[in-house]
């Protein structure tokens, strides 16, 4: 069941990251989800390193880090994907 939650979280984080990145990102939904999953894992690692992974209430800093890493990954991957499929 945790695998399914990782996919759902990756999809949500990836879509939010696409909203943060300016311009159009012509990457498929499956790639958005994978980059969202990677961003979630890396964002959790950063939050743990900074000591802000678990806070009292909603972990806003952790979520911002997850979306930020996913947005960075989408911004880096999009030009390669667009060039490959042009």
PDB file of N, CA and C in Angstrom:
ATOM      1  N   UNK A   1       0.827  -1.199   0.000  1.00  0.00           N
ATOM      2  CA  UNK A   1       0.000   0.000   0.000  1.00  0.00           C
ATOM      3  C   UNK A   1       0.867   1.256   0.000  1.00  0.00           C
ATOM      4  N   UNK A   2       2.045   1.196   0.630  1.00  0.00           N
ATOM      5  CA  UNK A   2       2.894   2.382   0.659  1.00  0.00           C
ATOM      6  C   UNK A   2       3.426   2.725  -0.735  1.00  0.00           C
ATOM      7  N   UNK A   3       3.552   1.713  -1.600  1.00  0.00           N
ATOM      8  CA  UNK A   3       3.981   1.956  -2.976  1.00  0.00           C
ATOM      9  C   UNK A   3       2.935   2.791  -3.709  1.00  0.00           C
ATOM     10  N   UNK A   4       1.660   2.474  -3.485  1.00  0.00           N
ATOM     11  CA  UNK A   4       0.576   3.238  -4.099  1.00  0.00           C
ATOM     12  C   UNK A   4       0.568   4.679  -3.591  1.00  0.00           C
ATOM     13  N   UNK A   5       0.791   4.872  -2.289  1.00  0.00           N
ATOM     14  CA  UNK A   5       0.834   6.224  -1.729  1.00  0.00           C
ATOM     15  C   UNK A   5       2.020   7.015  -2.272  1.00  0.00           C
ATOM     16  N   UNK A   6       3.143   6.335  -2.522  1.00  0.00           N
ATOM     17  CA  UNK A   6       4.311   7.009  -3.100  1.00  0.00           C
ATOM     18  C   UNK A   6       3.996   7.508  -4.497  1.00  0.00           C
ATOM     19  N   UNK A   7       3.257   6.723  -5.277  1.00  0.00           N
ATOM     20  CA  UNK A   7       2.877   7.145  -6.627  1.00  0.00           C
ATOM     21  C   UNK A   7       1.912   8.323  -6.569  1.00  0.00           C
ATOM     22  N   UNK A   8       0.940   8.251  -5.682  1.00  0.00           N
ATOM     23  CA  UNK A   8      -0.032   9.347  -5.562  1.00  0.00           C
ATOM     24  C   UNK A   8       0.660  10.622  -5.092  1.00  0.00           C
ATOM     25  N   UNK A   9       1.522  10.516  -4.086  1.00  0.00           N
ATOM     26  CA  UNK A   9       2.252  11.687  -3.595  1.00  0.00           C
ATOM     27  C   UNK A   9       3.172  12.242  -4.677  1.00  0.00           C
ATOM     28  N   UNK A  10       3.838  11.349  -5.418  1.00  0.00           N
ATOM     29  CA  UNK A  10       4.703  11.795  -6.511  1.00  0.00           C
ATOM     30  C   UNK A  10       3.940  12.525  -7.586  1.00  0.00           C
ATOM     31  N   UNK A  11       2.736  12.045  -7.903  1.00  0.00           N
ATOM     32  CA  UNK A  11       1.902  12.720  -8.897  1.00  0.00           C
ATOM     33  C   UNK A  11       1.515  14.113  -8.418  1.00  0.00           C
ATOM     34  N   UNK A  12       1.075  14.225  -7.188  1.00  0.00           N
ATOM     35  CA  UNK A  12       0.649  15.523  -6.650  1.00  0.00           C
ATOM     36  C   UNK A  12       1.836  16.486  -6.570  1.00  0.00           C
ATOM     37  N   UNK A  13       2.959  16.013  -6.053  1.00  0.00           N
ATOM     38  CA  UNK A  13       4.142  16.871  -5.927  1.00  0.00           C
ATOM     39  C   UNK A  13       4.653  17.265  -7.307  1.00  0.00           C
ATOM     40  N   UNK A  14       4.653  16.333  -8.254  1.00  0.00           N
ATOM     41  CA  UNK A  14       5.086  16.645  -9.617  1.00  0.00           C
ATOM     42  C   UNK A  14       4.198  17.673 -10.292  1.00  0.00           C
ATOM     43  N   UNK A  15       2.883  17.543 -10.121  1.00  0.00           N
ATOM     44  CA  UNK A  15       1.968  18.516 -10.726  1.00  0.00           C
ATOM     45  C   UNK A  15       2.113  19.895 -10.079  1.00  0.00           C
ATOM     46  N   UNK A  16       2.285  19.941  -8.763  1.00  0.00           N
ATOM     47  CA  UNK A  16       2.510  21.228  -8.103  1.00  0.00           C
ATOM     48  C   UNK A  16       3.834  21.842  -8.556  1.00  0.00           C
ATOM     49  N   UNK A  17       4.842  21.007  -8.758  1.00  0.00           N
ATOM     50  CA  UNK A  17       6.135  21.508  -9.235  1.00  0.00           C
ATOM     51  C   UNK A  17       6.015  22.069 -10.639  1.00  0.00           C
ATOM     52  N   UNK A  18       5.199  21.438 -11.487  1.00  0.00           N
ATOM     53  CA  UNK A  18       4.993  21.963 -12.840  1.00  0.00           C
ATOM     54  C   UNK A  18       4.321  23.336 -12.798  1.00  0.00           C
ATOM     55  N   UNK A  19       3.483  23.559 -11.799  1.00  0.00           N
ATOM     56  CA  UNK A  19       2.848  24.868 -11.655  1.00  0.00           C
ATOM     57  C   UNK A  19       3.853  25.936 -11.239  1.00  0.00           C
ATOM     58  N   UNK A  20       4.877  25.543 -10.488  1.00  0.00           N
ATOM     59  CA  UNK A  20       5.881  26.484  -9.994  1.00  0.00           C
ATOM     60  C   UNK A  20       6.856  26.888 -11.103  1.00  0.00           C
ATOM     61  N   UNK A  21       7.193  25.941 -11.971  1.00  0.00           N
ATOM     62  CA  UNK A  21       8.161  26.203 -13.038  1.00  0.00           C
ATOM     63  C   UNK A  21       7.481  27.055 -14.110  1.00  0.00           C
ATOM     64  N   UNK A  22       8.085  28.199 -14.476  1.00  0.00           N
ATOM     65  CA  UNK A  22       7.458  29.054 -15.485  1.00  0.00           C
ATOM     66  C   UNK A  22       7.520  28.424 -16.882  1.00  0.00           C
ATOM     67  N   UNK A  23       6.551  28.764 -17.686  1.00  0.00           N
ATOM     68  CA  UNK A  23       6.519  28.265 -19.060  1.00  0.00           C
ATOM     69  C   UNK A  23       5.802  26.930 -19.159  1.00  0.00           C
ATOM     70  N   UNK A  24       5.871  26.373 -20.354  1.00  0.00           N
ATOM     71  CA  UNK A  24       5.222  25.103 -20.635  1.00  0.00           C
ATOM     72  C   UNK A  24       6.248  23.984 -20.515  1.00  0.00           C
ATOM     73  N   UNK A  25       5.853  22.884 -19.895  1.00  0.00           N
ATOM     74  CA  UNK A  25       6.721  21.726 -19.756  1.00  0.00           C
ATOM     75  C   UNK A  25       6.095  20.556 -20.515  1.00  0.00           C
ATOM     76  N   UNK A  26       6.569  20.301 -21.735  1.00  0.00           N
ATOM     77  CA  UNK A  26       5.961  19.233 -22.540  1.00  0.00           C
ATOM     78  C   UNK A  26       6.494  17.846 -22.175  1.00  0.00           C
ATOM     79  N   UNK A  27       6.383  17.491 -20.901  1.00  0.00           N
ATOM     80  CA  UNK A  27       6.805  16.158 -20.476  1.00  0.00           C
ATOM     81  C   UNK A  27       5.555  15.361 -20.121  1.00  0.00           C
ATOM     82  N   UNK A  28       5.593  14.044 -20.322  1.00  0.00           N
ATOM     83  CA  UNK A  28       4.394  13.231 -20.054  1.00  0.00           C
ATOM     84  C   UNK A  28       4.108  13.092 -18.561  1.00  0.00           C
ATOM     85  N   UNK A  29       2.902  12.654 -18.273  1.00  0.00           N
ATOM     86  CA  UNK A  29       2.452  12.520 -16.887  1.00  0.00           C
ATOM     87  C   UNK A  29       3.286  11.492 -16.125  1.00  0.00           C
ATOM     88  N   UNK A  30       3.688  10.417 -16.780  1.00  0.00           N
ATOM     89  CA  UNK A  30       4.478   9.398 -16.092  1.00  0.00           C
ATOM     90  C   UNK A  30       5.833   9.958 -15.662  1.00  0.00           C
ATOM     91  N   UNK A  31       6.442  10.822 -16.491  1.00  0.00           N
ATOM     92  CA  UNK A  31       7.724  11.419 -16.138  1.00  0.00           C
ATOM     93  C   UNK A  31       7.540  12.453 -15.019  1.00  0.00           C
ATOM     94  N   UNK A  32       6.442  13.178 -15.060  1.00  0.00           N
ATOM     95  CA  UNK A  32       6.121  14.119 -13.990  1.00  0.00           C
ATOM     96  C   UNK A  32       5.992  13.378 -12.659  1.00  0.00           C
ATOM     97  N   UNK A  33       5.327  12.225 -12.682  1.00  0.00           N
ATOM     98  CA  UNK A  33       5.151  11.434 -11.463  1.00  0.00           C
ATOM     99  C   UNK A  33       6.485  10.910 -10.943  1.00  0.00           C
ATOM    100  N   UNK A  34       7.332  10.402 -11.834  1.00  0.00           N
ATOM    101  CA  UNK A  34       8.637   9.888 -11.406  1.00  0.00           C
ATOM    102  C   UNK A  34       9.488  11.008 -10.805  1.00  0.00           C
ATOM    103  N   UNK A  35       9.495  12.162 -11.454  1.00  0.00           N
ATOM    104  CA  UNK A  35      10.269  13.285 -10.921  1.00  0.00           C
ATOM    105  C   UNK A  35       9.675  13.777  -9.604  1.00  0.00           C
ATOM    106  N   UNK A  36       8.362  13.686  -9.458  1.00  0.00           N
ATOM    107  CA  UNK A  36       7.712  14.034  -8.193  1.00  0.00           C
ATOM    108  C   UNK A  36       8.107  13.077  -7.076  1.00  0.00           C
ATOM    109  N   UNK A  37       8.201  11.788  -7.393  1.00  0.00           N
ATOM    110  CA  UNK A  37       8.617  10.798  -6.388  1.00  0.00           C
ATOM    111  C   UNK A  37      10.061  11.062  -5.976  1.00  0.00           C
ATOM    112  N   UNK A  38      10.932  11.303  -6.958  1.00  0.00           N
ATOM    113  CA  UNK A  38      12.330  11.598  -6.642  1.00  0.00           C
ATOM    114  C   UNK A  38      12.430  12.882  -5.821  1.00  0.00           C
ATOM    115  N   UNK A  39      11.651  13.896  -6.198  1.00  0.00           N
ATOM    116  CA  UNK A  39      11.641  15.148  -5.449  1.00  0.00           C
ATOM    117  C   UNK A  39      11.152  14.962  -4.022  1.00  0.00           C
ATOM    118  N   UNK A  40      10.166  14.086  -3.834  1.00  0.00           N
ATOM    119  CA  UNK A  40       9.651  13.823  -2.487  1.00  0.00           C
ATOM    120  C   UNK A  40      10.711  13.161  -1.614  1.00  0.00           C
ATOM    121  N   UNK A  41      11.396  12.182  -2.180  1.00  0.00           N
ATOM    122  CA  UNK A  41      12.431  11.480  -1.406  1.00  0.00           C
ATOM    123  C   UNK A  41      13.591  12.422  -1.087  1.00  0.00           C
ATOM    124  N   UNK A  42      14.041  13.182  -2.087  1.00  0.00           N
ATOM    125  CA  UNK A  42      15.153  14.119  -1.860  1.00  0.00           C
ATOM    126  C   UNK A  42      14.735  15.244  -0.910  1.00  0.00           C
ATOM    127  N   UNK A  43      13.499  15.722  -1.032  1.00  0.00           N
ATOM    128  CA  UNK A  43      13.006  16.756  -0.121  1.00  0.00           C
ATOM    129  C   UNK A  43      12.934  16.261   1.310  1.00  0.00           C
ATOM    130  N   UNK A  44      12.528  14.997   1.495  1.00  0.00           N
ATOM    131  CA  UNK A  44      12.526  14.410   2.840  1.00  0.00           C
ATOM    132  C   UNK A  44      13.935  14.322   3.398  1.00  0.00           C
ATOM    133  N   UNK A  45      14.884  13.946   2.559  1.00  0.00           N
ATOM    134  CA  UNK A  45      16.275  13.859   3.010  1.00  0.00           C
ATOM    135  C   UNK A  45      16.804  15.235   3.413  1.00  0.00           C
ATOM    136  N   UNK A  46      16.484  16.253   2.626  1.00  0.00           N
ATOM    137  CA  UNK A  46      16.910  17.612   2.975  1.00  0.00           C
ATOM    138  C   UNK A  46      16.256  18.088   4.272  1.00  0.00           C
ATOM    139  N   UNK A  47      14.967  17.801   4.413  1.00  0.00           N
ATOM    140  CA  UNK A  47      14.259  18.200   5.636  1.00  0.00           C
ATOM    141  C   UNK A  47      14.858  17.513   6.857  1.00  0.00           C
ATOM    142  N   UNK A  48      15.239  16.252   6.712  1.00  0.00           N
ATOM    143  CA  UNK A  48      15.882  15.536   7.812  1.00  0.00           C
ATOM    144  C   UNK A  48      17.237  16.156   8.126  1.00  0.00           C
ATOM    145  N   UNK A  49      18.001  16.494   7.078  1.00  0.00           N
ATOM    146  CA  UNK A  49      19.325  17.095   7.279  1.00  0.00           C
ATOM    147  C   UNK A  49      19.228  18.445   7.969  1.00  0.00           C
ATOM    148  N   UNK A  50      18.175  19.210   7.649  1.00  0.00           N
ATOM    149  CA  UNK A  50      17.986  20.527   8.268  1.00  0.00           C
ATOM    150  C   UNK A  50      17.261  20.448   9.603  1.00  0.00           C
ATOM    151  N   UNK A  51      16.789  19.261   9.975  1.00  0.00           N
ATOM    152  CA  UNK A  51      16.104  19.080  11.249  1.00  0.00           C
ATOM    153  C   UNK A  51      14.682  19.601  11.263  1.00  0.00           C
ATOM    154  N   UNK A  52      14.024  19.656  10.116  1.00  0.00           N
ATOM    155  CA  UNK A  52      12.658  20.177  10.053  1.00  0.00           C
ATOM    156  C   UNK A  52      11.688  19.153   9.472  1.00  0.00           C
ATOM    157  N   UNK A  53      12.052  17.880   9.520  1.00  0.00           N
ATOM    158  CA  UNK A  53      11.185  16.870   8.908  1.00  0.00           C
ATOM    159  C   UNK A  53       9.885  16.709   9.683  1.00  0.00           C
ATOM    160  N   UNK A  54       9.964  16.641  10.984  1.00  0.00           N
ATOM    161  CA  UNK A  54       8.773  16.452  11.814  1.00  0.00           C
ATOM    162  C   UNK A  54       8.592  17.666  12.708  1.00  0.00           C
ATOM    163  N   UNK A  55       7.501  18.350  12.495  1.00  0.00           N
ATOM    164  CA  UNK A  55       7.168  19.513  13.311  1.00  0.00           C
ATOM    165  C   UNK A  55       5.785  19.307  13.920  1.00  0.00           C
ATOM    166  N   UNK A  56       5.417  20.158  14.840  1.00  0.00           N
ATOM    167  CA  UNK A  56       4.087  20.079  15.420  1.00  0.00           C
ATOM    168  C   UNK A  56       3.070  20.679  14.463  1.00  0.00           C
ATOM    169  N   UNK A  57       2.282  19.841  13.809  1.00  0.00           N
ATOM    170  CA  UNK A  57       1.308  20.326  12.836  1.00  0.00           C
ATOM    171  C   UNK A  57       1.700  19.897  11.427  1.00  0.00           C
ATOM    172  N   UNK A  58       1.319  20.697  10.457  1.00  0.00           N
ATOM    173  CA  UNK A  58       1.623  20.386   9.059  1.00  0.00           C
ATOM    174  C   UNK A  58       3.085  20.738   8.788  1.00  0.00           C
ATOM    175  N   UNK A  59       3.771  19.845   8.136  1.00  0.00           N
ATOM    176  CA  UNK A  59       5.201  20.032   7.847  1.00  0.00           C
ATOM    177  C   UNK A  59       5.375  20.856   6.567  1.00  0.00           C
ATOM    178  N   UNK A  60       5.073  22.135   6.628  1.00  0.00           N
ATOM    179  CA  UNK A  60       5.111  23.003   5.452  1.00  0.00           C
ATOM    180  C   UNK A  60       6.505  23.101   4.857  1.00  0.00           C
ATOM    181  N   UNK A  61       7.518  23.186   5.701  1.00  0.00           N
ATOM    182  CA  UNK A  61       8.887  23.328   5.197  1.00  0.00           C
ATOM    183  C   UNK A  61       9.280  22.083   4.408  1.00  0.00           C
ATOM    184  N   UNK A  62       8.926  20.917   4.915  1.00  0.00           N
ATOM    185  CA  UNK A  62       9.237  19.668   4.215  1.00  0.00           C
ATOM    186  C   UNK A  62       8.535  19.627   2.863  1.00  0.00           C
ATOM    187  N   UNK A  63       7.277  20.052   2.816  1.00  0.00           N
ATOM    188  CA  UNK A  63       6.530  20.035   1.555  1.00  0.00           C
ATOM    189  C   UNK A  63       7.108  21.039   0.554  1.00  0.00           C
ATOM    190  N   UNK A  64       7.512  22.186   1.036  1.00  0.00           N
ATOM    191  CA  UNK A  64       8.132  23.182   0.150  1.00  0.00           C
ATOM    192  C   UNK A  64       9.442  22.639  -0.411  1.00  0.00           C
ATOM    193  N   UNK A  65      10.225  21.966   0.415  1.00  0.00           N
ATOM    194  CA  UNK A  65      11.473  21.366  -0.065  1.00  0.00           C
ATOM    195  C   UNK A  65      11.191  20.280  -1.107  1.00  0.00           C
ATOM    196  N   UNK A  66      10.176  19.454  -0.890  1.00  0.00           N
ATOM    197  CA  UNK A  66       9.831  18.409  -1.843  1.00  0.00           C
ATOM    198  C   UNK A  66       9.425  19.007  -3.189  1.00  0.00           C
ATOM    199  N   UNK A  67       8.556  20.001  -3.157  1.00  0.00           N
ATOM    200  CA  UNK A  67       8.099  20.629  -4.397  1.00  0.00           C
ATOM    201  C   UNK A  67       9.246  21.377  -5.068  1.00  0.00           C
ATOM    202  N   UNK A  68      10.096  22.014  -4.279  1.00  0.00           N
ATOM    203  CA  UNK A  68      11.244  22.735  -4.837  1.00  0.00           C
ATOM    204  C   UNK A  68      12.214  21.814  -5.555  1.00  0.00           C
ATOM    205  N   UNK A  69      12.516  20.671  -4.948  1.00  0.00           N
ATOM    206  CA  UNK A  69      13.422  19.715  -5.605  1.00  0.00           C
ATOM    207  C   UNK A  69      12.775  19.164  -6.873  1.00  0.00           C
ATOM    208  N   UNK A  70      11.492  18.837  -6.810  1.00  0.00           N
ATOM    209  CA  UNK A  70      10.800  18.335  -7.994  1.00  0.00           C
ATOM    210  C   UNK A  70      10.756  19.393  -9.097  1.00  0.00           C
ATOM    211  N   UNK A  71      10.541  20.659  -8.725  1.00  0.00           N
ATOM    212  CA  UNK A  71      10.531  21.739  -9.724  1.00  0.00           C
ATOM    213  C   UNK A  71      11.900  21.884 -10.376  1.00  0.00           C
ATOM    214  N   UNK A  72      12.944  21.776  -9.581  1.00  0.00           N
ATOM    215  CA  UNK A  72      14.298  21.837 -10.129  1.00  0.00           C
ATOM    216  C   UNK A  72      14.534  20.693 -11.109  1.00  0.00           C
ATOM    217  N   UNK A  73      14.118  19.499 -10.739  1.00  0.00           N
ATOM    218  CA  UNK A  73      14.275  18.354 -11.631  1.00  0.00           C
ATOM    219  C   UNK A  73      13.481  18.526 -12.924  1.00  0.00           C
ATOM    220  N   UNK A  74      12.262  19.032 -12.823  1.00  0.00           N
ATOM    221  CA  UNK A  74      11.448  19.256 -14.015  1.00  0.00           C
ATOM    222  C   UNK A  74      12.083  20.315 -14.898  1.00  0.00           C
ATOM    223  N   UNK A  75      12.600  21.373 -14.291  1.00  0.00           N
ATOM    224  CA  UNK A  75      13.265  22.427 -15.073  1.00  0.00           C
ATOM    225  C   UNK A  75      14.515  21.898 -15.777  1.00  0.00           C
ATOM    226  N   UNK A  76      15.207  20.941 -15.162  1.00  0.00           N
ATOM    227  CA  UNK A  76      16.412  20.373 -15.763  1.00  0.00           C
ATOM    228  C   UNK A  76      16.090  19.347 -16.851  1.00  0.00           C
ATOM    229  N   UNK A  77      15.046  18.554 -16.661  1.00  0.00           N
ATOM    230  CA  UNK A  77      14.730  17.466 -17.578  1.00  0.00           C
ATOM    231  C   UNK A  77      13.948  17.945 -18.798  1.00  0.00           C
ATOM    232  N   UNK A  78      13.115  18.954 -18.657  1.00  0.00           N
ATOM    233  CA  UNK A  78      12.246  19.403 -19.748  1.00  0.00           C
ATOM    234  C   UNK A  78      12.994  19.749 -21.033  1.00  0.00           C
ATOM    235  N   UNK A  79      14.093  20.522 -20.993  1.00  0.00           N
ATOM    236  CA  UNK A  79      14.782  20.820 -22.257  1.00  0.00           C
ATOM    237  C   UNK A  79      15.305  19.570 -22.966  1.00  0.00           C
ATOM    238  N   UNK A  80      15.789  18.588 -22.205  1.00  0.00           N
ATOM    239  CA  UNK A  80      16.274  17.348 -22.818  1.00  0.00           C
ATOM    240  C   UNK A  80      15.132  16.562 -23.450  1.00  0.00           C
ATOM    241  N   UNK A  81      13.994  16.507 -22.768  1.00  0.00           N
ATOM    242  CA  UNK A  81      12.837  15.794 -23.292  1.00  0.00           C
ATOM    243  C   UNK A  81      12.300  16.489 -24.537  1.00  0.00           C
ATOM    244  N   UNK A  82      12.211  17.809 -24.509  1.00  0.00           N
ATOM    245  CA  UNK A  82      11.686  18.556 -25.654  1.00  0.00           C
ATOM    246  C   UNK A  82      12.610  18.414 -26.872  1.00  0.00           C
ATOM    247  N   UNK A  83      13.912  18.443 -26.639  1.00  0.00           N
ATOM    248  CA  UNK A  83      14.874  18.303 -27.738  1.00  0.00           C
ATOM    249  C   UNK A  83      14.820  16.897 -28.323  1.00  0.00           C
ATOM    250  N   UNK A  84      14.620  15.922 -27.466  1.00  0.00           N
ATOM    251  CA  UNK A  84      14.583  14.530 -27.911  1.00  0.00           C
ATOM    252  C   UNK A  84      13.338  14.238 -28.735  1.00  0.00           C
ATOM    253  N   UNK A  85      12.238  14.901 -28.410  1.00  0.00           N
ATOM    254  CA  UNK A  85      10.969  14.632 -29.088  1.00  0.00           C
ATOM    255  C   UNK A  85      10.528  15.750 -30.023  1.00  0.00           C
ATOM    256  N   UNK A  86      11.453  16.545 -30.484  1.00  0.00           N
ATOM    257  CA  UNK A  86      11.089  17.651 -31.397  1.00  0.00           C
ATOM    258  C   UNK A  86      11.088  17.207 -32.839  1.00  0.00           C
TER     259      UNK A  86
END
